[in-house]
PDB file of N, CA and C in Angstrom:
ATOM      1  N   UNK A   1       0.506  -1.690  -0.135  1.00  0.00           N
ATOM      2  CA  UNK A   1      -0.224   0.268   0.043  1.00  0.00           C
ATOM      3  C   UNK A   1       1.184   1.453   0.189  1.00  0.00           C
ATOM      4  N   UNK A   2       0.306   2.165  -0.876  1.00  0.00           N
ATOM      5  CA  UNK A   2       1.411   3.471  -0.960  1.00  0.00           C
ATOM      6  C   UNK A   2       1.286   4.334   0.002  1.00  0.00           C
ATOM      7  N   UNK A   3       1.948   4.783   0.804  1.00  0.00           N
ATOM      8  CA  UNK A   3       1.712   5.897   1.259  1.00  0.00           C
ATOM      9  C   UNK A   3       1.297   7.000   0.463  1.00  0.00           C
ATOM     10  N   UNK A   4       0.363   8.083   1.632  1.00  0.00           N
ATOM     11  CA  UNK A   4      -0.152   9.590   0.639  1.00  0.00           C
ATOM     12  C   UNK A   4       1.448  10.485   0.826  1.00  0.00           C
ATOM     13  N   UNK A   5       1.438  10.887  -0.327  1.00  0.00           N
ATOM     14  CA  UNK A   5       2.784  12.085  -0.387  1.00  0.00           C
ATOM     15  C   UNK A   5       2.702  13.079   0.473  1.00  0.00           C
ATOM     16  N   UNK A   6       3.775  13.944   0.917  1.00  0.00           N
ATOM     17  CA  UNK A   6       4.170  15.006   1.985  1.00  0.00           C
ATOM     18  C   UNK A   6       3.377  15.803   1.291  1.00  0.00           C
ATOM     19  N   UNK A   7       3.550  16.401  -0.386  1.00  0.00           N
ATOM     20  CA  UNK A   7       3.013  17.632  -1.004  1.00  0.00           C
ATOM     21  C   UNK A   7       3.280  17.231  -2.570  1.00  0.00           C
ATOM     22  N   UNK A   8       3.210  18.532  -3.378  1.00  0.00           N
ATOM     23  CA  UNK A   8       3.509  17.821  -4.466  1.00  0.00           C
ATOM     24  C   UNK A   8       4.676  19.331  -4.859  1.00  0.00           C
ATOM     25  N   UNK A   9       5.704  19.037  -5.526  1.00  0.00           N
ATOM     26  CA  UNK A   9       6.584  19.729  -5.957  1.00  0.00           C
ATOM     27  C   UNK A   9       6.714  19.806  -7.422  1.00  0.00           C
ATOM     28  N   UNK A  10       7.129  20.933  -7.927  1.00  0.00           N
ATOM     29  CA  UNK A  10       7.192  21.443  -9.543  1.00  0.00           C
ATOM     30  C   UNK A  10       8.502  21.499  -9.779  1.00  0.00           C
ATOM     31  N   UNK A  11       9.786  20.754 -10.399  1.00  0.00           N
ATOM     32  CA  UNK A  11      10.786  20.496 -10.278  1.00  0.00           C
ATOM     33  C   UNK A  11      11.219  21.240 -11.511  1.00  0.00           C
ATOM     34  N   UNK A  12      11.660  21.758 -11.613  1.00  0.00           N
ATOM     35  CA  UNK A  12      11.993  22.876 -13.146  1.00  0.00           C
ATOM     36  C   UNK A  12      13.425  23.118 -13.128  1.00  0.00           C
ATOM     37  N   UNK A  13      14.419  22.348 -13.870  1.00  0.00           N
ATOM     38  CA  UNK A  13      15.466  22.197 -14.031  1.00  0.00           C
ATOM     39  C   UNK A  13      16.249  21.662 -15.506  1.00  0.00           C
ATOM     40  N   UNK A  14      16.959  22.354 -16.194  1.00  0.00           N
ATOM     41  CA  UNK A  14      16.844  21.871 -17.696  1.00  0.00           C
ATOM     42  C   UNK A  14      18.536  20.870 -17.339  1.00  0.00           C
ATOM     43  N   UNK A  15      19.235  21.066 -16.387  1.00  0.00           N
ATOM     44  CA  UNK A  15      20.572  20.064 -16.839  1.00  0.00           C
ATOM     45  C   UNK A  15      19.569  18.696 -15.716  1.00  0.00           C
ATOM     46  N   UNK A  16      19.976  17.745 -17.057  1.00  0.00           N
ATOM     47  CA  UNK A  16      19.306  16.164 -16.449  1.00  0.00           C
ATOM     48  C   UNK A  16      19.781  15.415 -15.513  1.00  0.00           C
ATOM     49  N   UNK A  17      21.000  15.512 -15.470  1.00  0.00           N
ATOM     50  CA  UNK A  17      21.707  15.020 -14.112  1.00  0.00           C
ATOM     51  C   UNK A  17      20.940  14.995 -12.767  1.00  0.00           C
ATOM     52  N   UNK A  18      21.113  16.713 -12.852  1.00  0.00           N
ATOM     53  CA  UNK A  18      20.637  17.590 -11.594  1.00  0.00           C
ATOM     54  C   UNK A  18      19.592  17.224 -11.024  1.00  0.00           C
ATOM     55  N   UNK A  19      18.777  17.125 -12.864  1.00  0.00           N
ATOM     56  CA  UNK A  19      17.406  17.331 -12.323  1.00  0.00           C
ATOM     57  C   UNK A  19      16.538  15.601 -11.161  1.00  0.00           C
ATOM     58  N   UNK A  20      17.348  14.894 -11.934  1.00  0.00           N
ATOM     59  CA  UNK A  20      17.175  13.221 -11.845  1.00  0.00           C
ATOM     60  C   UNK A  20      17.604  13.292 -10.681  1.00  0.00           C
ATOM     61  N   UNK A  21      18.587  13.374 -10.092  1.00  0.00           N
ATOM     62  CA  UNK A  21      18.903  13.465  -8.659  1.00  0.00           C
ATOM     63  C   UNK A  21      17.870  14.201  -7.564  1.00  0.00           C
ATOM     64  N   UNK A  22      17.440  15.485  -7.959  1.00  0.00           N
ATOM     65  CA  UNK A  22      16.885  15.714  -6.616  1.00  0.00           C
ATOM     66  C   UNK A  22      15.735  15.372  -7.052  1.00  0.00           C
ATOM     67  N   UNK A  23      14.905  15.106  -8.054  1.00  0.00           N
ATOM     68  CA  UNK A  23      13.736  14.320  -8.324  1.00  0.00           C
ATOM     69  C   UNK A  23      13.930  13.095  -7.036  1.00  0.00           C
ATOM     70  N   UNK A  24      14.786  12.248  -7.542  1.00  0.00           N
ATOM     71  CA  UNK A  24      14.959  10.702  -6.427  1.00  0.00           C
ATOM     72  C   UNK A  24      15.079  10.976  -5.580  1.00  0.00           C
ATOM     73  N   UNK A  25      15.951  12.006  -4.752  1.00  0.00           N
ATOM     74  CA  UNK A  25      15.825  12.368  -3.357  1.00  0.00           C
ATOM     75  C   UNK A  25      14.683  13.051  -2.783  1.00  0.00           C
ATOM     76  N   UNK A  26      13.792  13.918  -3.341  1.00  0.00           N
ATOM     77  CA  UNK A  26      12.389  14.561  -3.096  1.00  0.00           C
ATOM     78  C   UNK A  26      11.598  13.379  -3.367  1.00  0.00           C
ATOM     79  N   UNK A  27      11.242  12.661  -4.510  1.00  0.00           N
ATOM     80  CA  UNK A  27      10.804  11.155  -4.031  1.00  0.00           C
ATOM     81  C   UNK A  27      10.972  10.162  -3.079  1.00  0.00           C
ATOM     82  N   UNK A  28      12.204  10.059  -2.531  1.00  0.00           N
ATOM     83  CA  UNK A  28      12.347   8.917  -1.501  1.00  0.00           C
ATOM     84  C   UNK A  28      12.089   9.692   0.163  1.00  0.00           C
ATOM     85  N   UNK A  29      12.003  10.866  -0.083  1.00  0.00           N
ATOM     86  CA  UNK A  29      11.789  11.986   1.239  1.00  0.00           C
ATOM     87  C   UNK A  29      10.276  11.473   1.060  1.00  0.00           C
ATOM     88  N   UNK A  30       9.387  11.281   0.035  1.00  0.00           N
ATOM     89  CA  UNK A  30       7.579  11.391   0.149  1.00  0.00           C
ATOM     90  C   UNK A  30       6.907  12.202  -0.574  1.00  0.00           C
ATOM     91  N   UNK A  31       7.835  13.122  -1.424  1.00  0.00           N
ATOM     92  CA  UNK A  31       7.147  13.878  -1.923  1.00  0.00           C
ATOM     93  C   UNK A  31       6.813  13.492  -3.598  1.00  0.00           C
ATOM     94  N   UNK A  32       5.245  13.897  -4.078  1.00  0.00           N
ATOM     95  CA  UNK A  32       5.446  13.938  -5.364  1.00  0.00           C
ATOM     96  C   UNK A  32       6.184  14.691  -6.141  1.00  0.00           C
ATOM     97  N   UNK A  33       6.373  14.621  -7.410  1.00  0.00           N
ATOM     98  CA  UNK A  33       7.433  15.353  -8.298  1.00  0.00           C
ATOM     99  C   UNK A  33       7.398  15.230  -9.134  1.00  0.00           C
ATOM    100  N   UNK A  34       6.658  16.398 -10.148  1.00  0.00           N
ATOM    101  CA  UNK A  34       6.296  16.856 -11.120  1.00  0.00           C
ATOM    102  C   UNK A  34       7.987  17.524 -12.184  1.00  0.00           C
ATOM    103  N   UNK A  35       7.958  17.288 -13.144  1.00  0.00           N
ATOM    104  CA  UNK A  35       8.882  18.064 -14.005  1.00  0.00           C
ATOM    105  C   UNK A  35       8.633  18.961 -15.501  1.00  0.00           C
ATOM    106  N   UNK A  36       9.695  19.887 -15.334  1.00  0.00           N
ATOM    107  CA  UNK A  36       9.728  20.924 -16.185  1.00  0.00           C
ATOM    108  C   UNK A  36      10.970  21.035 -16.457  1.00  0.00           C
ATOM    109  N   UNK A  37      11.655  21.477 -18.108  1.00  0.00           N
ATOM    110  CA  UNK A  37      12.628  21.234 -18.417  1.00  0.00           C
ATOM    111  C   UNK A  37      13.203  22.880 -19.067  1.00  0.00           C
ATOM    112  N   UNK A  38      11.992  23.813 -19.220  1.00  0.00           N
ATOM    113  CA  UNK A  38      11.995  24.730 -19.334  1.00  0.00           C
ATOM    114  C   UNK A  38      10.830  26.023 -19.459  1.00  0.00           C
ATOM    115  N   UNK A  39      11.281  27.088 -19.140  1.00  0.00           N
ATOM    116  CA  UNK A  39      10.380  28.292 -18.548  1.00  0.00           C
ATOM    117  C   UNK A  39       9.012  27.899 -19.236  1.00  0.00           C
ATOM    118  N   UNK A  40       8.525  27.886 -19.955  1.00  0.00           N
ATOM    119  CA  UNK A  40       7.542  27.816 -20.666  1.00  0.00           C
ATOM    120  C   UNK A  40       6.728  26.679 -20.101  1.00  0.00           C
ATOM    121  N   UNK A  41       7.731  25.501 -20.464  1.00  0.00           N
ATOM    122  CA  UNK A  41       6.459  24.287 -19.833  1.00  0.00           C
ATOM    123  C   UNK A  41       6.753  24.423 -18.056  1.00  0.00           C
ATOM    124  N   UNK A  42       7.155  25.622 -17.344  1.00  0.00           N
ATOM    125  CA  UNK A  42       6.701  25.425 -16.107  1.00  0.00           C
ATOM    126  C   UNK A  42       5.906  26.218 -15.968  1.00  0.00           C
ATOM    127  N   UNK A  43       5.041  27.124 -16.794  1.00  0.00           N
ATOM    128  CA  UNK A  43       4.084  27.956 -16.767  1.00  0.00           C
ATOM    129  C   UNK A  43       3.181  27.412 -16.983  1.00  0.00           C
ATOM    130  N   UNK A  44       3.223  26.345 -18.503  1.00  0.00           N
ATOM    131  CA  UNK A  44       1.952  25.814 -18.450  1.00  0.00           C
ATOM    132  C   UNK A  44       1.702  24.104 -17.116  1.00  0.00           C
ATOM    133  N   UNK A  45       2.010  23.927 -16.602  1.00  0.00           N
ATOM    134  CA  UNK A  45       2.402  23.462 -15.806  1.00  0.00           C
ATOM    135  C   UNK A  45       1.464  23.807 -14.580  1.00  0.00           C
ATOM    136  N   UNK A  46       1.874  25.026 -14.150  1.00  0.00           N
ATOM    137  CA  UNK A  46       1.335  25.985 -12.979  1.00  0.00           C
ATOM    138  C   UNK A  46      -0.095  26.216 -13.563  1.00  0.00           C
ATOM    139  N   UNK A  47      -0.312  26.631 -14.491  1.00  0.00           N
ATOM    140  CA  UNK A  47      -1.692  26.874 -14.997  1.00  0.00           C
ATOM    141  C   UNK A  47      -2.863  25.342 -14.673  1.00  0.00           C
ATOM    142  N   UNK A  48      -2.634  24.568 -14.960  1.00  0.00           N
ATOM    143  CA  UNK A  48      -3.210  23.340 -15.383  1.00  0.00           C
ATOM    144  C   UNK A  48      -3.032  22.397 -13.739  1.00  0.00           C
ATOM    145  N   UNK A  49      -2.467  23.098 -13.126  1.00  0.00           N
ATOM    146  CA  UNK A  49      -2.181  21.476 -11.468  1.00  0.00           C
ATOM    147  C   UNK A  49      -1.785  22.414 -10.584  1.00  0.00           C
ATOM    148  N   UNK A  50      -2.099  22.488  -9.685  1.00  0.00           N
ATOM    149  CA  UNK A  50      -1.475  22.769  -7.892  1.00  0.00           C
ATOM    150  C   UNK A  50      -0.377  22.383  -7.623  1.00  0.00           C
ATOM    151  N   UNK A  51       0.386  22.881  -6.901  1.00  0.00           N
ATOM    152  CA  UNK A  51       1.527  22.645  -6.663  1.00  0.00           C
ATOM    153  C   UNK A  51       2.275  23.061  -5.420  1.00  0.00           C
ATOM    154  N   UNK A  52       2.546  22.438  -4.172  1.00  0.00           N
ATOM    155  CA  UNK A  52       2.763  22.860  -2.936  1.00  0.00           C
ATOM    156  C   UNK A  52       4.363  23.623  -2.932  1.00  0.00           C
ATOM    157  N   UNK A  53       5.019  23.904  -3.843  1.00  0.00           N
ATOM    158  CA  UNK A  53       6.016  24.163  -4.262  1.00  0.00           C
ATOM    159  C   UNK A  53       6.451  24.335  -5.269  1.00  0.00           C
ATOM    160  N   UNK A  54       7.480  25.425  -5.765  1.00  0.00           N
ATOM    161  CA  UNK A  54       8.167  25.044  -7.283  1.00  0.00           C
ATOM    162  C   UNK A  54       9.858  25.023  -6.878  1.00  0.00           C
ATOM    163  N   UNK A  55      10.561  24.329  -7.279  1.00  0.00           N
ATOM    164  CA  UNK A  55      11.628  24.543  -7.352  1.00  0.00           C
ATOM    165  C   UNK A  55      12.531  24.878  -8.749  1.00  0.00           C
ATOM    166  N   UNK A  56      12.838  26.016  -8.945  1.00  0.00           N
ATOM    167  CA  UNK A  56      12.934  26.496  -9.974  1.00  0.00           C
ATOM    168  C   UNK A  56      14.901  26.761 -10.336  1.00  0.00           C
ATOM    169  N   UNK A  57      15.190  26.721 -11.255  1.00  0.00           N
ATOM    170  CA  UNK A  57      16.311  27.125 -11.984  1.00  0.00           C
ATOM    171  C   UNK A  57      16.413  28.461 -12.293  1.00  0.00           C
ATOM    172  N   UNK A  58      17.888  29.085 -11.982  1.00  0.00           N
ATOM    173  CA  UNK A  58      17.313  30.147 -12.623  1.00  0.00           C
ATOM    174  C   UNK A  58      17.667  30.640 -14.036  1.00  0.00           C
ATOM    175  N   UNK A  59      18.412  29.692 -14.943  1.00  0.00           N
ATOM    176  CA  UNK A  59      19.315  29.794 -16.201  1.00  0.00           C
ATOM    177  C   UNK A  59      18.181  28.886 -16.743  1.00  0.00           C
ATOM    178  N   UNK A  60      17.409  28.884 -17.779  1.00  0.00           N
ATOM    179  CA  UNK A  60      16.394  28.079 -18.593  1.00  0.00           C
ATOM    180  C   UNK A  60      16.316  28.431 -19.670  1.00  0.00           C
ATOM    181  N   UNK A  61      16.005  27.407 -20.587  1.00  0.00           N
ATOM    182  CA  UNK A  61      15.813  27.547 -22.080  1.00  0.00           C
ATOM    183  C   UNK A  61      14.291  28.284 -22.407  1.00  0.00           C
ATOM    184  N   UNK A  62      13.988  28.803 -23.339  1.00  0.00           N
ATOM    185  CA  UNK A  62      12.874  29.392 -23.404  1.00  0.00           C
ATOM    186  C   UNK A  62      12.504  30.487 -22.660  1.00  0.00           C
ATOM    187  N   UNK A  63      12.613  30.796 -21.196  1.00  0.00           N
ATOM    188  CA  UNK A  63      12.282  31.791 -20.276  1.00  0.00           C
ATOM    189  C   UNK A  63      13.101  31.649 -19.395  1.00  0.00           C
ATOM    190  N   UNK A  64      13.633  32.643 -18.593  1.00  0.00           N
ATOM    191  CA  UNK A  64      14.430  32.173 -17.325  1.00  0.00           C
ATOM    192  C   UNK A  64      13.798  32.595 -16.023  1.00  0.00           C
ATOM    193  N   UNK A  65      14.622  32.256 -15.408  1.00  0.00           N
ATOM    194  CA  UNK A  65      13.744  31.794 -13.567  1.00  0.00           C
ATOM    195  C   UNK A  65      13.039  32.910 -13.224  1.00  0.00           C
ATOM    196  N   UNK A  66      13.741  34.131 -13.119  1.00  0.00           N
ATOM    197  CA  UNK A  66      13.450  35.351 -12.784  1.00  0.00           C
ATOM    198  C   UNK A  66      12.216  35.615 -13.670  1.00  0.00           C
ATOM    199  N   UNK A  67      12.195  35.574 -14.792  1.00  0.00           N
ATOM    200  CA  UNK A  67      10.505  35.835 -15.663  1.00  0.00           C
ATOM    201  C   UNK A  67       9.337  35.305 -15.451  1.00  0.00           C
ATOM    202  N   UNK A  68      10.226  33.361 -15.246  1.00  0.00           N
ATOM    203  CA  UNK A  68       8.943  32.603 -15.021  1.00  0.00           C
ATOM    204  C   UNK A  68       8.686  33.356 -13.507  1.00  0.00           C
ATOM    205  N   UNK A  69       9.173  33.520 -12.724  1.00  0.00           N
ATOM    206  CA  UNK A  69       8.383  33.805 -11.400  1.00  0.00           C
ATOM    207  C   UNK A  69       7.156  35.466 -11.295  1.00  0.00           C
ATOM    208  N   UNK A  70       8.236  36.629 -12.423  1.00  0.00           N
ATOM    209  CA  UNK A  70       7.326  37.399 -12.636  1.00  0.00           C
ATOM    210  C   UNK A  70       5.764  36.696 -13.189  1.00  0.00           C
ATOM    211  N   UNK A  71       6.066  36.158 -14.291  1.00  0.00           N
ATOM    212  CA  UNK A  71       4.142  35.592 -14.667  1.00  0.00           C
ATOM    213  C   UNK A  71       3.633  35.265 -13.985  1.00  0.00           C
ATOM    214  N   UNK A  72       3.923  34.119 -12.796  1.00  0.00           N
ATOM    215  CA  UNK A  72       3.431  33.197 -11.729  1.00  0.00           C
ATOM    216  C   UNK A  72       2.809  34.540 -11.111  1.00  0.00           C
ATOM    217  N   UNK A  73       3.835  35.623 -10.254  1.00  0.00           N
ATOM    218  CA  UNK A  73       3.377  36.761  -9.471  1.00  0.00           C
ATOM    219  C   UNK A  73       2.183  37.364 -10.545  1.00  0.00           C
ATOM    220  N   UNK A  74       2.522  37.604 -11.434  1.00  0.00           N
ATOM    221  CA  UNK A  74       1.445  38.371 -11.751  1.00  0.00           C
ATOM    222  C   UNK A  74      -0.220  38.225 -12.273  1.00  0.00           C
ATOM    223  N   UNK A  75      -0.688  36.753 -12.087  1.00  0.00           N
ATOM    224  CA  UNK A  75      -1.616  35.635 -11.979  1.00  0.00           C
ATOM    225  C   UNK A  75      -1.918  35.337 -10.871  1.00  0.00           C
ATOM    226  N   UNK A  76      -0.992  36.085  -9.936  1.00  0.00           N
ATOM    227  CA  UNK A  76      -1.805  36.232  -8.450  1.00  0.00           C
ATOM    228  C   UNK A  76      -1.418  34.925  -7.635  1.00  0.00           C
ATOM    229  N   UNK A  77      -0.153  33.977  -8.401  1.00  0.00           N
ATOM    230  CA  UNK A  77      -0.670  32.872  -7.535  1.00  0.00           C
ATOM    231  C   UNK A  77       0.775  32.918  -6.520  1.00  0.00           C
ATOM    232  N   UNK A  78       0.055  32.447  -5.481  1.00  0.00           N
ATOM    233  CA  UNK A  78       1.006  32.408  -3.846  1.00  0.00           C
ATOM    234  C   UNK A  78       2.452  31.253  -4.156  1.00  0.00           C
ATOM    235  N   UNK A  79       1.944  30.773  -4.820  1.00  0.00           N
ATOM    236  CA  UNK A  79       3.593  29.284  -4.781  1.00  0.00           C
ATOM    237  C   UNK A  79       4.426  29.583  -4.392  1.00  0.00           C
ATOM    238  N   UNK A  80       4.782  29.055  -2.992  1.00  0.00           N
ATOM    239  CA  UNK A  80       6.453  29.136  -2.961  1.00  0.00           C
ATOM    240  C   UNK A  80       7.361  29.100  -3.959  1.00  0.00           C
ATOM    241  N   UNK A  81       8.305  29.862  -4.009  1.00  0.00           N
ATOM    242  CA  UNK A  81       9.745  29.275  -4.799  1.00  0.00           C
ATOM    243  C   UNK A  81      10.702  29.207  -4.247  1.00  0.00           C
ATOM    244  N   UNK A  82      10.830  28.299  -4.433  1.00  0.00           N
ATOM    245  CA  UNK A  82      12.607  27.950  -4.063  1.00  0.00           C
ATOM    246  C   UNK A  82      13.666  28.213  -5.444  1.00  0.00           C
ATOM    247  N   UNK A  83      14.605  29.159  -5.094  1.00  0.00           N
ATOM    248  CA  UNK A  83      15.735  29.016  -6.749  1.00  0.00           C
ATOM    249  C   UNK A  83      16.839  28.486  -5.957  1.00  0.00           C
ATOM    250  N   UNK A  84      17.372  27.338  -7.095  1.00  0.00           N
ATOM    251  CA  UNK A  84      18.674  26.739  -6.982  1.00  0.00           C
ATOM    252  C   UNK A  84      19.773  27.194  -8.070  1.00  0.00           C
ATOM    253  N   UNK A  85      20.388  28.003  -7.700  1.00  0.00           N
ATOM    254  CA  UNK A  85      20.922  28.960  -8.822  1.00  0.00           C
ATOM    255  C   UNK A  85      23.031  28.744  -8.330  1.00  0.00           C
ATOM    256  N   UNK A  86      23.529  28.943  -9.132  1.00  0.00           N
ATOM    257  CA  UNK A  86      25.168  29.022  -9.347  1.00  0.00           C
ATOM    258  C   UNK A  86      25.294  30.555  -8.816  1.00  0.00           C
ATOM    259  N   UNK A  87      23.919  31.772  -9.238  1.00  0.00           N
ATOM    260  CA  UNK A  87      24.078  32.853  -8.782  1.00  0.00           C
ATOM    261  C   UNK A  87      23.918  32.990  -7.670  1.00  0.00           C
ATOM    262  N   UNK A  88      24.553  33.346  -6.991  1.00  0.00           N
ATOM    263  CA  UNK A  88      24.554  33.313  -5.432  1.00  0.00           C
ATOM    264  C   UNK A  88      24.704  34.795  -4.892  1.00  0.00           C
ATOM    265  N   UNK A  89      24.913  35.757  -5.866  1.00  0.00           N
ATOM    266  CA  UNK A  89      25.544  37.621  -5.202  1.00  0.00           C
ATOM    267  C   UNK A  89      24.217  37.920  -4.442  1.00  0.00           C
ATOM    268  N   UNK A  90      24.735  38.812  -3.881  1.00  0.00           N
ATOM    269  CA  UNK A  90      23.335  40.082  -3.017  1.00  0.00           C
ATOM    270  C   UNK A  90      22.404  40.373  -4.070  1.00  0.00           C
ATOM    271  N   UNK A  91      23.273  40.591  -5.277  1.00  0.00           N
ATOM    272  CA  UNK A  91      22.384  41.371  -6.170  1.00  0.00           C
ATOM    273  C   UNK A  91      21.303  40.132  -6.797  1.00  0.00           C
ATOM    274  N   UNK A  92      21.704  39.234  -6.900  1.00  0.00           N
ATOM    275  CA  UNK A  92      20.895  38.014  -7.535  1.00  0.00           C
ATOM    276  C   UNK A  92      19.758  38.052  -6.650  1.00  0.00           C
ATOM    277  N   UNK A  93      20.214  37.794  -4.844  1.00  0.00           N
ATOM    278  CA  UNK A  93      18.795  37.753  -3.656  1.00  0.00           C
ATOM    279  C   UNK A  93      17.689  38.757  -3.960  1.00  0.00           C
ATOM    280  N   UNK A  94      18.741  39.758  -3.846  1.00  0.00           N
ATOM    281  CA  UNK A  94      17.718  40.961  -3.861  1.00  0.00           C
ATOM    282  C   UNK A  94      16.578  41.090  -5.143  1.00  0.00           C
ATOM    283  N   UNK A  95      17.255  40.649  -6.470  1.00  0.00           N
ATOM    284  CA  UNK A  95      16.328  40.701  -7.558  1.00  0.00           C
ATOM    285  C   UNK A  95      15.423  39.491  -7.682  1.00  0.00           C
ATOM    286  N   UNK A  96      16.106  38.429  -7.187  1.00  0.00           N
ATOM    287  CA  UNK A  96      14.360  37.255  -6.773  1.00  0.00           C
ATOM    288  C   UNK A  96      13.968  37.515  -6.028  1.00  0.00           C
ATOM    289  N   UNK A  97      14.015  38.153  -4.436  1.00  0.00           N
ATOM    290  CA  UNK A  97      13.119  38.469  -3.324  1.00  0.00           C
ATOM    291  C   UNK A  97      11.909  39.408  -4.280  1.00  0.00           C
ATOM    292  N   UNK A  98      12.478  40.842  -4.964  1.00  0.00           N
ATOM    293  CA  UNK A  98      11.361  41.536  -4.718  1.00  0.00           C
ATOM    294  C   UNK A  98      10.584  41.415  -6.587  1.00  0.00           C
ATOM    295  N   UNK A  99      10.862  40.112  -6.751  1.00  0.00           N
ATOM    296  CA  UNK A  99      10.132  39.034  -7.983  1.00  0.00           C
ATOM    297  C   UNK A  99       9.293  38.433  -7.422  1.00  0.00           C
ATOM    298  N   UNK A 100       9.421  38.043  -6.171  1.00  0.00           N
ATOM    299  CA  UNK A 100       8.671  37.279  -5.056  1.00  0.00           C
ATOM    300  C   UNK A 100       8.957  35.779  -5.425  1.00  0.00           C
ATOM    301  N   UNK A 101      10.330  35.699  -5.135  1.00  0.00           N
ATOM    302  CA  UNK A 101      11.375  34.300  -4.897  1.00  0.00           C
ATOM    303  C   UNK A 101      10.919  34.397  -3.373  1.00  0.00           C
ATOM    304  N   UNK A 102      11.195  32.522  -2.949  1.00  0.00           N
ATOM    305  CA  UNK A 102      11.484  32.518  -1.431  1.00  0.00           C
ATOM    306  C   UNK A 102      13.215  33.120  -1.222  1.00  0.00           C
ATOM    307  N   UNK A 103      13.609  32.078  -1.624  1.00  0.00           N
ATOM    308  CA  UNK A 103      14.887  32.178  -1.846  1.00  0.00           C
ATOM    309  C   UNK A 103      15.892  31.328  -2.453  1.00  0.00           C
ATOM    310  N   UNK A 104      17.342  31.697  -2.646  1.00  0.00           N
ATOM    311  CA  UNK A 104      17.747  31.584  -4.114  1.00  0.00           C
ATOM    312  C   UNK A 104      19.393  31.029  -2.754  1.00  0.00           C
ATOM    313  N   UNK A 105      19.563  29.775  -3.437  1.00  0.00           N
ATOM    314  CA  UNK A 105      20.692  28.595  -3.048  1.00  0.00           C
ATOM    315  C   UNK A 105      21.871  28.322  -3.789  1.00  0.00           C
ATOM    316  N   UNK A 106      22.616  28.085  -3.463  1.00  0.00           N
ATOM    317  CA  UNK A 106      23.456  27.509  -4.597  1.00  0.00           C
ATOM    318  C   UNK A 106      23.861  26.323  -3.852  1.00  0.00           C
ATOM    319  N   UNK A 107      23.729  26.212  -2.485  1.00  0.00           N
ATOM    320  CA  UNK A 107      23.950  25.295  -1.246  1.00  0.00           C
ATOM    321  C   UNK A 107      23.398  24.139  -0.752  1.00  0.00           C
ATOM    322  N   UNK A 108      23.742  23.159  -1.105  1.00  0.00           N
ATOM    323  CA  UNK A 108      22.428  22.054  -0.553  1.00  0.00           C
ATOM    324  C   UNK A 108      22.199  21.981   0.650  1.00  0.00           C
ATOM    325  N   UNK A 109      22.934  22.329   1.098  1.00  0.00           N
ATOM    326  CA  UNK A 109      22.460  22.361   2.798  1.00  0.00           C
ATOM    327  C   UNK A 109      22.353  23.551   3.405  1.00  0.00           C
ATOM    328  N   UNK A 110      22.038  24.552   2.782  1.00  0.00           N
ATOM    329  CA  UNK A 110      20.558  25.426   2.657  1.00  0.00           C
ATOM    330  C   UNK A 110      19.972  25.438   2.136  1.00  0.00           C
ATOM    331  N   UNK A 111      19.894  24.676   1.359  1.00  0.00           N
ATOM    332  CA  UNK A 111      18.299  23.922   0.570  1.00  0.00           C
ATOM    333  C   UNK A 111      18.146  23.051   1.423  1.00  0.00           C
ATOM    334  N   UNK A 112      18.311  22.083   2.013  1.00  0.00           N
ATOM    335  CA  UNK A 112      17.784  21.116   2.873  1.00  0.00           C
ATOM    336  C   UNK A 112      17.507  22.053   4.268  1.00  0.00           C
ATOM    337  N   UNK A 113      17.748  23.117   5.175  1.00  0.00           N
ATOM    338  CA  UNK A 113      17.568  23.301   6.083  1.00  0.00           C
ATOM    339  C   UNK A 113      16.490  24.264   5.673  1.00  0.00           C
ATOM    340  N   UNK A 114      16.419  25.307   4.643  1.00  0.00           N
ATOM    341  CA  UNK A 114      14.981  25.782   4.154  1.00  0.00           C
ATOM    342  C   UNK A 114      13.996  24.561   3.817  1.00  0.00           C
ATOM    343  N   UNK A 115      14.204  23.608   3.184  1.00  0.00           N
ATOM    344  CA  UNK A 115      13.070  22.647   2.985  1.00  0.00           C
ATOM    345  C   UNK A 115      12.981  21.997   4.099  1.00  0.00           C
ATOM    346  N   UNK A 116      13.377  21.750   4.876  1.00  0.00           N
ATOM    347  CA  UNK A 116      13.259  21.090   6.611  1.00  0.00           C
ATOM    348  C   UNK A 116      12.319  22.150   7.023  1.00  0.00           C
ATOM    349  N   UNK A 117      12.354  22.944   7.342  1.00  0.00           N
ATOM    350  CA  UNK A 117      11.952  24.406   7.894  1.00  0.00           C
ATOM    351  C   UNK A 117      10.497  24.544   7.473  1.00  0.00           C
ATOM    352  N   UNK A 118      10.603  24.487   5.570  1.00  0.00           N
ATOM    353  CA  UNK A 118       9.055  24.657   5.047  1.00  0.00           C
ATOM    354  C   UNK A 118       7.978  23.310   5.496  1.00  0.00           C
ATOM    355  N   UNK A 119       8.832  22.515   5.148  1.00  0.00           N
ATOM    356  CA  UNK A 119       7.616  21.063   5.319  1.00  0.00           C
ATOM    357  C   UNK A 119       7.273  20.938   7.072  1.00  0.00           C
ATOM    358  N   UNK A 120       8.269  21.712   7.674  1.00  0.00           N
ATOM    359  CA  UNK A 120       8.165  21.062   9.499  1.00  0.00           C
ATOM    360  C   UNK A 120       6.978  22.612   9.648  1.00  0.00           C
ATOM    361  N   UNK A 121       7.085  23.725   9.100  1.00  0.00           N
ATOM    362  CA  UNK A 121       6.095  24.689  10.013  1.00  0.00           C
ATOM    363  C   UNK A 121       4.680  24.904   9.508  1.00  0.00           C
TER     364      UNK A 121
END
């Protein structure tokens, strides 16, 4: 018998190996994970399905993560957005926060801490 999912996550990452590793780990933790590999596909998925969390890369084909975030917020969707990116300067963080992202992290330990806090709040 399958246990109920902890929550649904849309994972948007175009680098296949990283995408699959993140997806596998999240699924092993009990989360339902849907995949998108570019910004346009992410927006389509969000328009058609409810997600508890969006994990979003910044540098994506079709439409970058900041443009995806802006589009989501313009439509008044309040989905929590977690950015995983190598772009981790103060300016990048401020830009993301202004557009409605929750956190920008290149460090998996920071991401784990955030996600633990998010899922246990």
